[in-house]
Amino acid sequence: MSVERLLHAYRKGIFPWSGEPVRWYSPDPRAIFWRIHLPRKLGKMVRRGKFSVSFDQAFEDVMIGCREAHRDDGVWITDEFIAGYRRLHEAGHAHSVEVWQQPEHGVGEPELVGGLYGVQLRGLFAGESMFFRATNASKVAFAALIWQLGLVGTVLLDCQVPTEHTARLGAVLVHRRDYLQLLDRAIQVPTLYDGERWPLAGAPGLAQVAEKYSLPILER
């Protein structure tokens, strides 16, 4: 899966799925986020959990975390997928949000306890997968993502296929023809850091999430 092939697929509303050979999908209906639903008590939960958040600092580790979390669904995040999306990340078109937690008693390095990754193509962000190893860690990652996407100028947040978890966060179903119209408009919209890694220090979305939820920014 080359960078060029992946970008061409996402521009057409198509994404890959594991198989021999790799299969390509454009589901109808399509799941997108329309109105975001986050727990009102997220701030308290975050402060209690002593989480830290970073962007684009452990992309491959996040993919591996997602693979481990979804083994019961079938291991669709294969080594080939990890290699392909790592190249897309290195090209500045795939991003990760990492959630870290200090070990018990505060001794040792922070541990990766949740995160998500996806593909950014101008005004489109296609969320691929998320995971958590600590309660609410994936919700923290999602909150950080939403703020960052809003501030860089993303206009379409695609989650591809519906799940109970994404439905609780605000995902809705639209007809493929409507999705493709939204997609066509979104990829015409320029955004900040298009084709670049999201900066850690001073990232606007991360700064506002940190302020809203009292999150420390993890300098790595």
N, C-alpha and C. Protein backbone atom coordinates (compact mmCIF):
# COMPACT_ATOMS: atom_id res chain seq x y z
N MET A 1 0.85 -1.19 0.00
CA MET A 1 0.00 0.00 0.00
C MET A 1 0.89 1.24 0.00
N SER A 2 1.04 1.84 -1.15
CA SER A 2 1.87 3.03 -1.26
C SER A 2 1.12 4.26 -0.77
N VAL A 3 1.87 5.32 -0.47
CA VAL A 3 1.26 6.59 -0.07
C VAL A 3 0.32 7.08 -1.15
N GLU A 4 0.77 7.02 -2.39
CA GLU A 4 -0.03 7.53 -3.51
C GLU A 4 -1.34 6.74 -3.66
N ARG A 5 -1.26 5.43 -3.52
CA ARG A 5 -2.48 4.62 -3.68
C ARG A 5 -3.47 4.89 -2.55
N LEU A 6 -2.95 5.00 -1.32
CA LEU A 6 -3.83 5.28 -0.19
C LEU A 6 -4.51 6.63 -0.34
N LEU A 7 -3.75 7.65 -0.71
CA LEU A 7 -4.34 8.99 -0.86
C LEU A 7 -5.38 9.00 -1.98
N HIS A 8 -5.09 8.31 -3.07
CA HIS A 8 -6.05 8.24 -4.18
C HIS A 8 -7.35 7.58 -3.71
N ALA A 9 -7.22 6.51 -2.91
CA ALA A 9 -8.41 5.81 -2.41
C ALA A 9 -9.23 6.71 -1.50
N TYR A 10 -8.58 7.40 -0.58
CA TYR A 10 -9.33 8.25 0.36
C TYR A 10 -10.01 9.40 -0.36
N ARG A 11 -9.39 9.91 -1.41
CA ARG A 11 -10.04 10.97 -2.20
C ARG A 11 -11.33 10.49 -2.84
N LYS A 12 -11.43 9.18 -3.09
CA LYS A 12 -12.61 8.60 -3.72
C LYS A 12 -13.58 7.99 -2.70
N GLY A 13 -13.28 8.15 -1.42
CA GLY A 13 -14.15 7.59 -0.39
C GLY A 13 -13.96 6.11 -0.17
N ILE A 14 -12.79 5.61 -0.50
CA ILE A 14 -12.49 4.17 -0.40
C ILE A 14 -11.40 3.97 0.65
N PHE A 15 -11.52 2.90 1.42
CA PHE A 15 -10.47 2.59 2.40
C PHE A 15 -10.17 1.09 2.35
N PRO A 16 -8.97 0.69 2.76
CA PRO A 16 -8.58 -0.72 2.66
C PRO A 16 -9.00 -1.54 3.87
N TRP A 17 -9.12 -2.84 3.63
CA TRP A 17 -9.40 -3.81 4.69
C TRP A 17 -8.51 -5.01 4.44
N SER A 18 -8.11 -5.69 5.51
CA SER A 18 -7.15 -6.78 5.34
C SER A 18 -7.75 -7.93 4.56
N GLY A 19 -6.88 -8.61 3.87
CA GLY A 19 -7.27 -9.76 3.07
C GLY A 19 -6.15 -10.11 2.13
N GLU A 20 -6.26 -11.21 1.45
CA GLU A 20 -5.26 -11.62 0.47
C GLU A 20 -5.95 -11.82 -0.87
N PRO A 21 -5.89 -10.82 -1.77
CA PRO A 21 -5.20 -9.54 -1.60
C PRO A 21 -6.01 -8.58 -0.72
N VAL A 22 -5.42 -7.39 -0.45
CA VAL A 22 -6.11 -6.36 0.33
C VAL A 22 -7.41 -5.98 -0.36
N ARG A 23 -8.48 -5.87 0.43
CA ARG A 23 -9.78 -5.48 -0.12
C ARG A 23 -10.02 -3.99 0.11
N TRP A 24 -10.82 -3.40 -0.77
CA TRP A 24 -11.08 -1.96 -0.71
C TRP A 24 -12.59 -1.73 -0.61
N TYR A 25 -12.99 -0.83 0.29
CA TYR A 25 -14.40 -0.65 0.61
C TYR A 25 -14.84 0.81 0.47
N SER A 26 -16.11 0.95 0.08
CA SER A 26 -16.80 2.24 0.12
C SER A 26 -18.23 1.93 0.56
N PRO A 27 -18.46 1.81 1.87
CA PRO A 27 -19.75 1.30 2.37
C PRO A 27 -20.90 2.26 2.12
N ASP A 28 -22.08 1.68 2.04
CA ASP A 28 -23.32 2.45 1.91
C ASP A 28 -24.36 1.79 2.83
N PRO A 29 -24.78 2.47 3.90
CA PRO A 29 -24.49 3.87 4.25
C PRO A 29 -23.10 4.03 4.87
N ARG A 30 -22.72 5.29 5.09
CA ARG A 30 -21.41 5.65 5.62
C ARG A 30 -21.59 6.32 6.98
N ALA A 31 -20.69 6.02 7.91
CA ALA A 31 -20.76 6.63 9.24
C ALA A 31 -19.85 7.85 9.31
N ILE A 32 -20.42 8.97 9.74
CA ILE A 32 -19.65 10.19 9.95
C ILE A 32 -20.07 10.79 11.30
N PHE A 33 -19.21 11.63 11.84
CA PHE A 33 -19.58 12.36 13.06
C PHE A 33 -20.24 13.66 12.66
N TRP A 34 -21.41 13.89 13.25
CA TRP A 34 -22.18 15.10 12.93
C TRP A 34 -22.24 16.02 14.14
N ARG A 35 -22.82 15.52 15.22
CA ARG A 35 -22.79 16.24 16.50
C ARG A 35 -22.05 15.38 17.51
N ILE A 36 -21.05 15.97 18.13
CA ILE A 36 -20.19 15.22 19.02
C ILE A 36 -20.80 15.15 20.42
N HIS A 37 -20.82 13.96 20.98
CA HIS A 37 -21.33 13.75 22.34
C HIS A 37 -20.18 13.28 23.23
N LEU A 38 -19.81 14.11 24.21
CA LEU A 38 -18.78 13.73 25.17
C LEU A 38 -19.37 13.82 26.58
N PRO A 39 -18.95 12.94 27.48
CA PRO A 39 -19.50 12.99 28.84
C PRO A 39 -19.25 14.34 29.50
N ARG A 40 -20.26 14.86 30.16
CA ARG A 40 -20.11 16.16 30.82
C ARG A 40 -19.06 16.10 31.93
N LYS A 41 -18.90 14.93 32.50
CA LYS A 41 -17.95 14.79 33.61
C LYS A 41 -16.57 14.36 33.15
N LEU A 42 -16.28 14.53 31.84
CA LEU A 42 -15.00 14.08 31.32
C LEU A 42 -13.83 14.76 32.03
N GLY A 43 -13.98 16.06 32.31
CA GLY A 43 -12.90 16.78 32.97
C GLY A 43 -12.53 16.16 34.30
N LYS A 44 -13.54 15.82 35.11
CA LYS A 44 -13.27 15.21 36.41
C LYS A 44 -12.62 13.85 36.24
N MET A 45 -13.10 13.08 35.25
CA MET A 45 -12.53 11.76 35.02
C MET A 45 -11.07 11.87 34.60
N VAL A 46 -10.77 12.88 33.77
CA VAL A 46 -9.41 13.07 33.30
C VAL A 46 -8.50 13.43 34.46
N ARG A 47 -8.93 14.38 35.27
CA ARG A 47 -8.10 14.80 36.40
C ARG A 47 -7.85 13.64 37.36
N ARG A 48 -8.87 12.82 37.56
CA ARG A 48 -8.73 11.69 38.47
C ARG A 48 -7.76 10.65 37.90
N GLY A 49 -7.74 10.52 36.59
CA GLY A 49 -6.88 9.52 35.97
C GLY A 49 -5.46 9.95 35.74
N LYS A 50 -5.16 11.24 35.90
CA LYS A 50 -3.80 11.76 35.71
C LYS A 50 -3.28 11.43 34.31
N PHE A 51 -4.08 11.75 33.31
CA PHE A 51 -3.69 11.51 31.93
C PHE A 51 -2.84 12.65 31.38
N SER A 52 -2.02 12.31 30.39
CA SER A 52 -1.33 13.29 29.57
C SER A 52 -1.64 12.96 28.11
N VAL A 53 -1.57 13.96 27.25
CA VAL A 53 -1.92 13.79 25.83
C VAL A 53 -0.78 14.27 24.95
N SER A 54 -0.55 13.57 23.86
CA SER A 54 0.41 14.03 22.85
C SER A 54 -0.15 13.73 21.47
N PHE A 55 0.42 14.37 20.46
CA PHE A 55 0.05 14.14 19.06
C PHE A 55 1.28 13.63 18.30
N ASP A 56 1.06 12.62 17.46
CA ASP A 56 2.09 12.18 16.50
C ASP A 56 3.41 11.81 17.15
N GLN A 57 3.38 11.34 18.38
CA GLN A 57 4.62 10.98 19.07
C GLN A 57 4.85 9.47 19.14
N ALA A 58 3.82 8.67 18.91
CA ALA A 58 3.96 7.22 19.00
C ALA A 58 2.98 6.56 18.04
N PHE A 59 3.06 6.95 16.77
CA PHE A 59 2.06 6.53 15.79
C PHE A 59 1.99 5.01 15.67
N GLU A 60 3.14 4.37 15.49
CA GLU A 60 3.13 2.92 15.30
C GLU A 60 2.66 2.20 16.56
N ASP A 61 3.04 2.70 17.73
CA ASP A 61 2.58 2.09 18.98
C ASP A 61 1.06 2.18 19.11
N VAL A 62 0.48 3.28 18.64
CA VAL A 62 -0.98 3.41 18.67
C VAL A 62 -1.62 2.38 17.74
N MET A 63 -1.07 2.20 16.54
CA MET A 63 -1.61 1.19 15.64
C MET A 63 -1.53 -0.20 16.25
N ILE A 64 -0.41 -0.50 16.90
CA ILE A 64 -0.26 -1.80 17.55
C ILE A 64 -1.27 -1.95 18.69
N GLY A 65 -1.49 -0.88 19.45
CA GLY A 65 -2.49 -0.90 20.50
C GLY A 65 -3.88 -1.18 19.95
N CYS A 66 -4.20 -0.56 18.82
CA CYS A 66 -5.50 -0.80 18.18
C CYS A 66 -5.61 -2.25 17.70
N ARG A 67 -4.52 -2.77 17.15
CA ARG A 67 -4.56 -4.16 16.69
C ARG A 67 -4.81 -5.12 17.86
N GLU A 68 -4.11 -4.90 18.97
CA GLU A 68 -4.28 -5.78 20.12
C GLU A 68 -5.69 -5.68 20.70
N ALA A 69 -6.25 -4.47 20.68
CA ALA A 69 -7.58 -4.27 21.26
C ALA A 69 -8.69 -4.91 20.43
N HIS A 70 -8.44 -5.09 19.14
CA HIS A 70 -9.51 -5.56 18.25
C HIS A 70 -9.23 -6.95 17.69
N ARG A 71 -8.42 -7.73 18.39
CA ARG A 71 -8.12 -9.09 17.92
C ARG A 71 -9.38 -9.94 17.78
N ASP A 72 -10.34 -9.74 18.68
CA ASP A 72 -11.57 -10.53 18.63
C ASP A 72 -12.41 -10.21 17.39
N ASP A 73 -12.16 -9.03 16.80
CA ASP A 73 -12.89 -8.64 15.59
C ASP A 73 -12.24 -9.19 14.33
N GLY A 74 -11.11 -9.88 14.49
CA GLY A 74 -10.32 -10.28 13.34
C GLY A 74 -9.17 -9.31 13.18
N VAL A 75 -7.96 -9.83 13.01
CA VAL A 75 -6.78 -8.97 12.97
C VAL A 75 -6.69 -8.32 11.60
N TRP A 76 -7.37 -7.17 11.46
CA TRP A 76 -7.33 -6.48 10.17
C TRP A 76 -6.18 -5.50 10.09
N ILE A 77 -5.58 -5.12 11.23
CA ILE A 77 -4.41 -4.23 11.20
C ILE A 77 -3.18 -5.13 11.12
N THR A 78 -2.85 -5.53 9.93
CA THR A 78 -1.74 -6.44 9.70
C THR A 78 -0.43 -5.67 9.66
N ASP A 79 0.69 -6.40 9.59
CA ASP A 79 1.99 -5.76 9.46
C ASP A 79 2.05 -4.91 8.19
N GLU A 80 1.39 -5.39 7.13
CA GLU A 80 1.34 -4.62 5.88
C GLU A 80 0.61 -3.30 6.09
N PHE A 81 -0.47 -3.33 6.85
CA PHE A 81 -1.21 -2.10 7.14
C PHE A 81 -0.35 -1.14 7.95
N ILE A 82 0.31 -1.66 8.97
CA ILE A 82 1.15 -0.80 9.80
C ILE A 82 2.24 -0.15 8.97
N ALA A 83 2.87 -0.90 8.09
CA ALA A 83 3.92 -0.34 7.25
C ALA A 83 3.36 0.72 6.31
N GLY A 84 2.20 0.46 5.71
CA GLY A 84 1.60 1.41 4.77
C GLY A 84 1.19 2.70 5.44
N TYR A 85 0.55 2.60 6.60
CA TYR A 85 0.10 3.81 7.29
C TYR A 85 1.26 4.54 7.96
N ARG A 86 2.32 3.81 8.32
CA ARG A 86 3.52 4.49 8.83
C ARG A 86 4.12 5.38 7.75
N ARG A 87 4.15 4.88 6.52
CA ARG A 87 4.64 5.72 5.42
C ARG A 87 3.73 6.93 5.22
N LEU A 88 2.43 6.72 5.34
CA LEU A 88 1.49 7.83 5.21
C LEU A 88 1.71 8.85 6.34
N HIS A 89 2.00 8.36 7.53
CA HIS A 89 2.30 9.23 8.67
C HIS A 89 3.58 10.02 8.41
N GLU A 90 4.60 9.35 7.91
CA GLU A 90 5.86 10.04 7.62
C GLU A 90 5.69 11.10 6.55
N ALA A 91 4.70 10.91 5.67
CA ALA A 91 4.40 11.90 4.63
C ALA A 91 3.50 13.02 5.14
N GLY A 92 3.07 12.93 6.41
CA GLY A 92 2.27 13.99 7.00
C GLY A 92 0.78 13.87 6.76
N HIS A 93 0.30 12.69 6.33
CA HIS A 93 -1.12 12.53 6.02
C HIS A 93 -1.84 11.57 6.96
N ALA A 94 -1.15 11.03 7.94
CA ALA A 94 -1.79 10.19 8.96
C ALA A 94 -1.30 10.66 10.32
N HIS A 95 -2.22 10.74 11.27
CA HIS A 95 -1.90 11.32 12.58
C HIS A 95 -2.38 10.41 13.69
N SER A 96 -1.76 10.58 14.85
CA SER A 96 -2.17 9.83 16.03
C SER A 96 -2.35 10.76 17.21
N VAL A 97 -3.24 10.37 18.09
CA VAL A 97 -3.40 11.01 19.40
C VAL A 97 -3.05 9.96 20.44
N GLU A 98 -2.14 10.29 21.33
CA GLU A 98 -1.72 9.36 22.37
C GLU A 98 -2.18 9.85 23.74
N VAL A 99 -2.63 8.92 24.57
CA VAL A 99 -3.00 9.23 25.95
C VAL A 99 -2.10 8.41 26.86
N TRP A 100 -1.47 9.11 27.79
CA TRP A 100 -0.48 8.49 28.68
C TRP A 100 -0.96 8.59 30.13
N GLN A 101 -0.47 7.67 30.95
CA GLN A 101 -0.80 7.69 32.37
C GLN A 101 0.46 7.36 33.17
N GLN A 102 0.65 8.12 34.23
CA GLN A 102 1.77 7.84 35.12
C GLN A 102 1.57 6.50 35.82
N PRO A 103 2.63 5.72 35.97
CA PRO A 103 2.50 4.47 36.74
C PRO A 103 2.05 4.75 38.17
N GLU A 104 1.51 3.73 38.79
CA GLU A 104 1.06 3.88 40.18
C GLU A 104 2.21 4.35 41.05
N HIS A 105 1.94 5.26 41.93
CA HIS A 105 2.90 5.89 42.83
C HIS A 105 3.81 6.87 42.10
N GLY A 106 3.56 7.09 40.79
CA GLY A 106 4.30 8.11 40.06
C GLY A 106 5.74 7.77 39.77
N VAL A 107 6.11 6.50 39.82
CA VAL A 107 7.49 6.09 39.60
C VAL A 107 7.60 5.47 38.21
N GLY A 108 8.56 5.97 37.41
CA GLY A 108 8.78 5.43 36.08
C GLY A 108 8.21 6.29 34.98
N GLU A 109 8.40 5.84 33.74
CA GLU A 109 7.94 6.56 32.57
C GLU A 109 6.42 6.43 32.39
N PRO A 110 5.77 7.46 31.82
CA PRO A 110 4.34 7.34 31.52
C PRO A 110 4.07 6.16 30.59
N GLU A 111 2.93 5.52 30.76
CA GLU A 111 2.55 4.38 29.95
C GLU A 111 1.46 4.79 28.96
N LEU A 112 1.55 4.26 27.75
CA LEU A 112 0.53 4.51 26.73
C LEU A 112 -0.71 3.71 27.09
N VAL A 113 -1.80 4.41 27.41
CA VAL A 113 -3.02 3.73 27.87
C VAL A 113 -4.21 3.94 26.93
N GLY A 114 -4.01 4.65 25.85
CA GLY A 114 -5.10 4.86 24.90
C GLY A 114 -4.65 5.71 23.74
N GLY A 115 -5.46 5.73 22.71
CA GLY A 115 -5.13 6.56 21.56
C GLY A 115 -5.99 6.22 20.36
N LEU A 116 -5.73 6.95 19.31
CA LEU A 116 -6.43 6.72 18.04
C LEU A 116 -5.54 7.21 16.91
N TYR A 117 -5.88 6.79 15.70
CA TYR A 117 -5.15 7.28 14.53
C TYR A 117 -6.11 7.40 13.36
N GLY A 118 -5.70 8.18 12.37
CA GLY A 118 -6.54 8.37 11.19
C GLY A 118 -5.78 9.10 10.11
N VAL A 119 -6.47 9.35 9.02
CA VAL A 119 -5.89 9.95 7.82
C VAL A 119 -6.44 11.35 7.63
N GLN A 120 -5.55 12.31 7.42
CA GLN A 120 -5.93 13.70 7.17
C GLN A 120 -5.67 14.02 5.70
N LEU A 121 -6.68 14.49 5.01
CA LEU A 121 -6.54 14.90 3.62
C LEU A 121 -7.29 16.20 3.45
N ARG A 122 -6.55 17.30 3.59
CA ARG A 122 -7.13 18.64 3.59
C ARG A 122 -8.27 18.69 4.62
N GLY A 123 -9.51 18.98 4.22
CA GLY A 123 -10.59 19.14 5.19
C GLY A 123 -11.21 17.85 5.69
N LEU A 124 -10.68 16.71 5.26
CA LEU A 124 -11.18 15.40 5.70
C LEU A 124 -10.26 14.81 6.76
N PHE A 125 -10.85 14.27 7.81
CA PHE A 125 -10.12 13.36 8.70
C PHE A 125 -10.91 12.07 8.77
N ALA A 126 -10.27 10.97 8.37
CA ALA A 126 -10.90 9.65 8.41
C ALA A 126 -10.33 8.89 9.60
N GLY A 127 -11.14 8.75 10.64
CA GLY A 127 -10.71 8.00 11.81
C GLY A 127 -10.65 6.51 11.50
N GLU A 128 -9.53 5.89 11.82
CA GLU A 128 -9.35 4.48 11.49
C GLU A 128 -9.66 3.55 12.66
N SER A 129 -9.08 3.82 13.83
CA SER A 129 -9.31 2.94 14.97
C SER A 129 -8.87 3.65 16.24
N MET A 130 -9.38 3.17 17.37
CA MET A 130 -8.98 3.69 18.67
C MET A 130 -8.90 2.54 19.66
N PHE A 131 -8.22 2.78 20.78
CA PHE A 131 -8.11 1.74 21.80
C PHE A 131 -7.95 2.40 23.16
N PHE A 132 -8.15 1.60 24.21
CA PHE A 132 -7.88 2.08 25.56
C PHE A 132 -7.43 0.92 26.43
N ARG A 133 -6.54 1.22 27.34
CA ARG A 133 -6.10 0.27 28.36
C ARG A 133 -6.44 0.79 29.76
N ALA A 134 -6.96 2.00 29.81
CA ALA A 134 -7.42 2.60 31.06
C ALA A 134 -8.79 3.21 30.79
N THR A 135 -9.68 3.13 31.75
CA THR A 135 -11.04 3.63 31.59
C THR A 135 -11.04 5.07 31.11
N ASN A 136 -11.82 5.33 30.06
CA ASN A 136 -12.03 6.67 29.49
C ASN A 136 -10.85 7.21 28.69
N ALA A 137 -9.77 6.44 28.54
CA ALA A 137 -8.62 6.95 27.80
C ALA A 137 -8.96 7.23 26.34
N SER A 138 -9.80 6.39 25.73
CA SER A 138 -10.16 6.65 24.33
C SER A 138 -11.03 7.89 24.20
N LYS A 139 -11.87 8.17 25.21
CA LYS A 139 -12.68 9.39 25.18
C LYS A 139 -11.79 10.63 25.30
N VAL A 140 -10.74 10.54 26.10
CA VAL A 140 -9.79 11.65 26.21
C VAL A 140 -9.11 11.88 24.86
N ALA A 141 -8.69 10.80 24.21
CA ALA A 141 -8.06 10.92 22.89
C ALA A 141 -9.03 11.55 21.89
N PHE A 142 -10.29 11.14 21.94
CA PHE A 142 -11.28 11.67 21.01
C PHE A 142 -11.53 13.15 21.26
N ALA A 143 -11.59 13.55 22.54
CA ALA A 143 -11.78 14.96 22.86
C ALA A 143 -10.62 15.80 22.33
N ALA A 144 -9.41 15.30 22.51
CA ALA A 144 -8.24 16.02 22.00
C ALA A 144 -8.28 16.13 20.48
N LEU A 145 -8.70 15.04 19.82
CA LEU A 145 -8.81 15.06 18.37
C LEU A 145 -9.81 16.10 17.89
N ILE A 146 -10.98 16.14 18.53
CA ILE A 146 -12.03 17.07 18.10
C ILE A 146 -11.56 18.51 18.18
N TRP A 147 -10.95 18.87 19.27
CA TRP A 147 -10.45 20.24 19.39
C TRP A 147 -9.40 20.54 18.34
N GLN A 148 -8.48 19.62 18.13
CA GLN A 148 -7.42 19.85 17.15
C GLN A 148 -7.99 19.97 15.74
N LEU A 149 -8.90 19.09 15.38
CA LEU A 149 -9.47 19.14 14.03
C LEU A 149 -10.22 20.44 13.80
N GLY A 150 -10.95 20.89 14.81
CA GLY A 150 -11.67 22.15 14.67
C GLY A 150 -10.74 23.33 14.45
N LEU A 151 -9.61 23.31 15.11
CA LEU A 151 -8.70 24.44 15.03
C LEU A 151 -7.81 24.41 13.79
N VAL A 152 -7.56 23.23 13.23
CA VAL A 152 -6.79 23.20 11.99
C VAL A 152 -7.69 23.40 10.78
N GLY A 153 -9.02 23.28 10.96
CA GLY A 153 -9.94 23.57 9.87
C GLY A 153 -10.60 22.38 9.22
N THR A 154 -10.59 21.23 9.88
CA THR A 154 -11.25 20.04 9.33
C THR A 154 -12.76 20.24 9.28
N VAL A 155 -13.38 19.82 8.18
CA VAL A 155 -14.83 20.01 8.03
C VAL A 155 -15.60 18.70 7.94
N LEU A 156 -14.91 17.57 7.78
CA LEU A 156 -15.59 16.27 7.67
C LEU A 156 -14.81 15.24 8.48
N LEU A 157 -15.48 14.65 9.46
CA LEU A 157 -14.88 13.60 10.29
C LEU A 157 -15.59 12.29 9.98
N ASP A 158 -14.89 11.43 9.28
CA ASP A 158 -15.42 10.16 8.77
C ASP A 158 -15.02 9.04 9.72
N CYS A 159 -15.98 8.20 10.12
CA CYS A 159 -15.61 7.02 10.91
C CYS A 159 -15.99 5.73 10.18
N GLN A 160 -16.32 5.84 8.89
CA GLN A 160 -16.41 4.72 7.96
C GLN A 160 -17.59 3.78 8.23
N VAL A 161 -17.50 2.96 9.26
CA VAL A 161 -18.58 2.01 9.55
C VAL A 161 -19.06 2.23 10.99
N PRO A 162 -20.35 2.02 11.25
CA PRO A 162 -20.87 2.32 12.58
C PRO A 162 -20.49 1.26 13.61
N THR A 163 -20.27 1.72 14.83
CA THR A 163 -20.10 0.83 15.98
C THR A 163 -20.91 1.42 17.14
N GLU A 164 -21.16 0.63 18.15
CA GLU A 164 -21.88 1.15 19.32
C GLU A 164 -21.11 2.29 19.97
N HIS A 165 -19.78 2.15 20.01
CA HIS A 165 -18.96 3.18 20.66
C HIS A 165 -19.02 4.50 19.90
N THR A 166 -18.84 4.46 18.57
CA THR A 166 -18.89 5.72 17.81
C THR A 166 -20.29 6.31 17.81
N ALA A 167 -21.32 5.47 17.85
CA ALA A 167 -22.69 6.00 17.93
C ALA A 167 -22.89 6.78 19.22
N ARG A 168 -22.33 6.29 20.32
CA ARG A 168 -22.45 7.01 21.59
C ARG A 168 -21.71 8.34 21.55
N LEU A 169 -20.68 8.42 20.72
CA LEU A 169 -19.92 9.66 20.60
C LEU A 169 -20.53 10.63 19.59
N GLY A 170 -21.55 10.20 18.85
CA GLY A 170 -22.24 11.11 17.96
C GLY A 170 -22.23 10.75 16.49
N ALA A 171 -21.79 9.54 16.14
CA ALA A 171 -21.76 9.15 14.73
C ALA A 171 -23.18 8.93 14.20
N VAL A 172 -23.38 9.30 12.94
CA VAL A 172 -24.65 9.09 12.25
C VAL A 172 -24.37 8.44 10.90
N LEU A 173 -25.42 7.90 10.29
CA LEU A 173 -25.28 7.26 8.98
C LEU A 173 -25.82 8.17 7.89
N VAL A 174 -25.08 8.24 6.78
CA VAL A 174 -25.53 8.99 5.61
C VAL A 174 -25.39 8.10 4.38
N HIS A 175 -26.21 8.38 3.36
CA HIS A 175 -26.08 7.64 2.11
C HIS A 175 -24.72 7.92 1.47
N ARG A 176 -24.21 6.92 0.78
CA ARG A 176 -22.90 7.07 0.16
C ARG A 176 -22.86 8.26 -0.79
N ARG A 177 -23.93 8.47 -1.56
CA ARG A 177 -23.93 9.60 -2.49
C ARG A 177 -23.79 10.93 -1.74
N ASP A 178 -24.42 11.03 -0.57
CA ASP A 178 -24.31 12.25 0.22
C ASP A 178 -22.91 12.37 0.81
N TYR A 179 -22.37 11.24 1.26
CA TYR A 179 -21.00 11.26 1.79
C TYR A 179 -20.02 11.73 0.73
N LEU A 180 -20.15 11.21 -0.48
CA LEU A 180 -19.21 11.58 -1.54
C LEU A 180 -19.31 13.06 -1.88
N GLN A 181 -20.50 13.63 -1.78
CA GLN A 181 -20.63 15.08 -1.99
C GLN A 181 -19.92 15.85 -0.88
N LEU A 182 -20.10 15.41 0.37
CA LEU A 182 -19.40 16.04 1.49
C LEU A 182 -17.89 15.89 1.35
N LEU A 183 -17.47 14.72 0.92
CA LEU A 183 -16.04 14.46 0.74
C LEU A 183 -15.45 15.36 -0.34
N ASP A 184 -16.16 15.49 -1.45
CA ASP A 184 -15.67 16.32 -2.55
C ASP A 184 -15.45 17.76 -2.09
N ARG A 185 -16.36 18.25 -1.25
CA ARG A 185 -16.19 19.61 -0.73
C ARG A 185 -15.03 19.67 0.26
N ALA A 186 -14.94 18.65 1.11
CA ALA A 186 -13.94 18.68 2.19
C ALA A 186 -12.52 18.69 1.65
N ILE A 187 -12.26 17.93 0.60
CA ILE A 187 -10.88 17.85 0.11
C ILE A 187 -10.49 19.07 -0.71
N GLN A 188 -11.42 20.01 -0.87
CA GLN A 188 -11.08 21.30 -1.48
C GLN A 188 -10.70 22.33 -0.42
N VAL A 189 -10.89 21.99 0.85
CA VAL A 189 -10.70 22.95 1.94
C VAL A 189 -9.27 22.84 2.47
N PRO A 190 -8.48 23.91 2.37
CA PRO A 190 -7.13 23.87 2.93
C PRO A 190 -7.16 23.90 4.45
N THR A 191 -6.22 23.22 5.07
CA THR A 191 -6.14 23.19 6.53
C THR A 191 -4.71 23.47 6.98
N LEU A 192 -4.57 23.84 8.23
CA LEU A 192 -3.24 23.99 8.80
C LEU A 192 -2.54 22.63 8.86
N TYR A 193 -1.24 22.64 8.66
CA TYR A 193 -0.40 21.44 8.76
C TYR A 193 -0.79 20.37 7.75
N ASP A 194 -1.37 20.78 6.63
CA ASP A 194 -1.74 19.80 5.60
C ASP A 194 -0.45 19.19 5.04
N GLY A 195 -0.33 17.87 5.12
CA GLY A 195 0.88 17.21 4.67
C GLY A 195 2.04 17.37 5.62
N GLU A 196 1.77 17.72 6.88
CA GLU A 196 2.82 17.87 7.88
C GLU A 196 2.40 17.14 9.15
N ARG A 197 3.39 16.83 9.97
CA ARG A 197 3.07 16.30 11.29
C ARG A 197 2.47 17.41 12.15
N TRP A 198 1.54 17.02 13.00
CA TRP A 198 0.99 17.99 13.94
C TRP A 198 2.06 18.34 14.97
N PRO A 199 2.29 19.62 15.21
CA PRO A 199 3.32 19.99 16.19
C PRO A 199 2.87 19.66 17.60
N LEU A 200 3.84 19.28 18.43
CA LEU A 200 3.52 18.99 19.83
C LEU A 200 3.47 20.27 20.64
N ALA A 201 4.56 21.00 20.63
CA ALA A 201 4.63 22.22 21.42
C ALA A 201 3.78 23.30 20.76
N GLY A 202 2.84 23.84 21.50
CA GLY A 202 2.05 24.95 20.99
C GLY A 202 0.93 24.55 20.05
N ALA A 203 0.66 23.25 19.91
CA ALA A 203 -0.45 22.84 19.06
C ALA A 203 -1.74 23.43 19.61
N PRO A 204 -2.49 24.19 18.81
CA PRO A 204 -3.63 24.92 19.36
C PRO A 204 -4.70 24.03 19.97
N GLY A 205 -5.01 22.93 19.31
CA GLY A 205 -6.04 22.05 19.85
C GLY A 205 -5.61 21.43 21.17
N LEU A 206 -4.36 20.99 21.22
CA LEU A 206 -3.87 20.38 22.44
C LEU A 206 -3.85 21.37 23.59
N ALA A 207 -3.46 22.61 23.30
CA ALA A 207 -3.42 23.63 24.34
C ALA A 207 -4.81 23.89 24.92
N GLN A 208 -5.83 23.95 24.05
CA GLN A 208 -7.18 24.23 24.54
C GLN A 208 -7.77 23.02 25.27
N VAL A 209 -7.47 21.82 24.78
CA VAL A 209 -7.93 20.63 25.50
C VAL A 209 -7.27 20.58 26.87
N ALA A 210 -5.98 20.89 26.91
CA ALA A 210 -5.27 20.88 28.19
C ALA A 210 -5.90 21.85 29.17
N GLU A 211 -6.27 23.04 28.67
CA GLU A 211 -6.88 24.03 29.54
C GLU A 211 -8.28 23.59 29.99
N LYS A 212 -9.07 23.07 29.04
CA LYS A 212 -10.46 22.72 29.35
C LYS A 212 -10.54 21.57 30.34
N TYR A 213 -9.66 20.57 30.16
CA TYR A 213 -9.75 19.36 30.98
C TYR A 213 -8.60 19.21 31.97
N SER A 214 -7.83 20.28 32.17
CA SER A 214 -6.70 20.26 33.11
C SER A 214 -5.73 19.13 32.77
N LEU A 215 -5.42 18.99 31.49
CA LEU A 215 -4.50 17.96 31.05
C LEU A 215 -3.08 18.51 30.98
N PRO A 216 -2.10 17.81 31.54
CA PRO A 216 -0.72 18.21 31.29
C PRO A 216 -0.31 17.80 29.89
N ILE A 217 0.43 18.66 29.19
CA ILE A 217 0.95 18.31 27.87
C ILE A 217 2.23 17.52 28.06
N LEU A 218 2.28 16.34 27.48
CA LEU A 218 3.42 15.46 27.67
C LEU A 218 4.51 15.84 26.69
N GLU A 219 5.63 16.31 27.18
CA GLU A 219 6.76 16.65 26.33
C GLU A 219 7.61 15.40 26.15
N ARG A 220 7.69 14.94 24.91
CA ARG A 220 8.46 13.72 24.63
C ARG A 220 9.42 14.00 23.49
